[in-house]
C-alpha atoms as a PDB file:
ATOM      1  CA  MET A   1      11.063  15.231 -18.166  1.00  0.00           C
ATOM      2  CA  ALA A   2       8.774  12.506 -16.875  1.00  0.00           C
ATOM      3  CA  GLY A   3      10.077   9.878 -14.477  1.00  0.00           C
ATOM      4  CA  LYS A   4       9.239   6.213 -14.465  1.00  0.00           C
ATOM      5  CA  ARG A   5       6.173   5.104 -12.554  1.00  0.00           C
ATOM      6  CA  LYS A   6       6.780   2.505  -9.917  1.00  0.00           C
ATOM      7  CA  THR A   7       4.735  -0.633 -10.365  1.00  0.00           C
ATOM      8  CA  TYR A   8       3.628  -2.900  -7.556  1.00  0.00           C
ATOM      9  CA  THR A   9       3.171  -6.640  -7.768  1.00  0.00           C
ATOM     10  CA  ALA A  10      -0.112  -8.383  -7.151  1.00  0.00           C
ATOM     11  CA  GLU A  11       1.465  -9.959  -4.060  1.00  0.00           C
ATOM     12  CA  PHE A  12       2.305  -6.543  -2.622  1.00  0.00           C
ATOM     13  CA  LYS A  13      -1.214  -5.274  -3.248  1.00  0.00           C
ATOM     14  CA  LEU A  14      -2.807  -8.341  -1.669  1.00  0.00           C
ATOM     15  CA  ALA A  15      -0.559  -8.160   1.383  1.00  0.00           C
ATOM     16  CA  ALA A  16      -1.342  -4.462   1.877  1.00  0.00           C
ATOM     17  CA  VAL A  17      -5.092  -5.102   1.675  1.00  0.00           C
ATOM     18  CA  LYS A  18      -4.812  -7.997   4.125  1.00  0.00           C
ATOM     19  CA  MET A  19      -3.041  -5.762   6.643  1.00  0.00           C
ATOM     20  CA  VAL A  20      -6.057  -3.474   6.679  1.00  0.00           C
ATOM     21  CA  THR A  21      -8.840  -6.049   6.441  1.00  0.00           C
ATOM     22  CA  GLU A  22      -7.519  -8.991   8.447  1.00  0.00           C
ATOM     23  CA  GLN A  23      -5.150  -7.362  10.919  1.00  0.00           C
ATOM     24  CA  LYS A  24      -7.529  -4.429  11.462  1.00  0.00           C
ATOM     25  CA  LEU A  25      -4.813  -1.830  10.906  1.00  0.00           C
ATOM     26  CA  SER A  26      -5.723   1.626   9.719  1.00  0.00           C
ATOM     27  CA  VAL A  27      -4.794   2.536   6.155  1.00  0.00           C
ATOM     28  CA  ALA A  28      -2.381   5.120   7.546  1.00  0.00           C
ATOM     29  CA  GLU A  29      -0.618   2.543   9.731  1.00  0.00           C
ATOM     30  CA  ALA A  30      -0.373   0.022   6.897  1.00  0.00           C
ATOM     31  CA  ALA A  31       1.069   2.714   4.629  1.00  0.00           C
ATOM     32  CA  ARG A  32       3.698   3.621   7.230  1.00  0.00           C
ATOM     33  CA  ARG A  33       4.699  -0.028   7.628  1.00  0.00           C
ATOM     34  CA  TRP A  34       5.053  -0.483   3.857  1.00  0.00           C
ATOM     35  CA  GLY A  35       6.812   2.864   3.407  1.00  0.00           C
ATOM     36  CA  VAL A  36       4.293   4.154   0.868  1.00  0.00           C
ATOM     37  CA  SER A  37       1.828   7.026   0.867  1.00  0.00           C
ATOM     38  CA  GLU A  38      -1.630   6.622   2.301  1.00  0.00           C
ATOM     39  CA  ASN A  39      -3.139   7.729  -1.020  1.00  0.00           C
ATOM     40  CA  LEU A  40      -1.401   4.858  -2.787  1.00  0.00           C
ATOM     41  CA  LEU A  41      -3.199   2.330  -0.622  1.00  0.00           C
ATOM     42  CA  HIS A  42      -6.537   4.015  -1.161  1.00  0.00           C
ATOM     43  CA  THR A  43      -6.180   3.590  -4.908  1.00  0.00           C
END
Protein backbone atom coordinates (compact mmCIF):
# COMPACT_ATOMS: atom_id res chain seq x y z
CA MET A 1 0.00 0.00 0.00
CA ALA A 2 1.43 3.36 -1.01
CA GLY A 3 1.46 6.25 1.45
CA LYS A 4 0.77 9.86 0.69
CA ARG A 5 3.65 12.02 -0.46
CA LYS A 6 4.30 15.08 1.62
CA THR A 7 4.19 18.30 -0.34
CA TYR A 8 6.12 21.42 0.55
CA THR A 9 5.01 24.97 -0.06
CA ALA A 10 6.89 27.41 -2.23
CA GLU A 11 7.60 29.44 0.92
CA PHE A 12 9.25 26.46 2.60
CA LYS A 13 11.39 25.76 -0.46
CA LEU A 14 12.48 29.39 -0.76
CA ALA A 15 13.34 29.63 2.93
CA ALA A 16 15.40 26.43 2.77
CA VAL A 17 17.35 27.69 -0.24
CA LYS A 18 17.97 31.04 1.45
CA MET A 19 19.42 29.29 4.50
CA VAL A 20 22.06 27.72 2.29
CA THR A 21 22.75 30.61 -0.07
CA GLU A 22 22.39 33.68 2.13
CA GLN A 23 23.24 32.37 5.59
CA LYS A 24 26.07 30.21 4.22
CA LEU A 25 24.86 27.09 6.02
CA SER A 26 25.73 23.68 4.68
CA VAL A 27 22.91 21.67 3.12
CA ALA A 28 23.28 19.15 5.95
CA GLU A 29 22.89 21.85 8.62
CA ALA A 30 19.88 23.40 6.89
CA ALA A 31 18.27 19.96 6.63
CA ARG A 32 18.81 19.32 10.34
CA ARG A 33 17.26 22.68 11.24
CA TRP A 34 14.20 22.00 9.07
CA GLY A 35 13.91 18.39 10.23
CA VAL A 36 14.08 16.96 6.72
CA SER A 37 16.55 14.72 4.93
CA GLU A 38 19.57 16.16 3.19
CA ASN A 39 18.50 14.49 -0.06
CA LEU A 40 15.21 16.38 0.03
CA LEU A 41 17.02 19.70 -0.03
CA HIS A 42 19.25 18.60 -2.87
CA THR A 43 16.21 17.90 -5.03
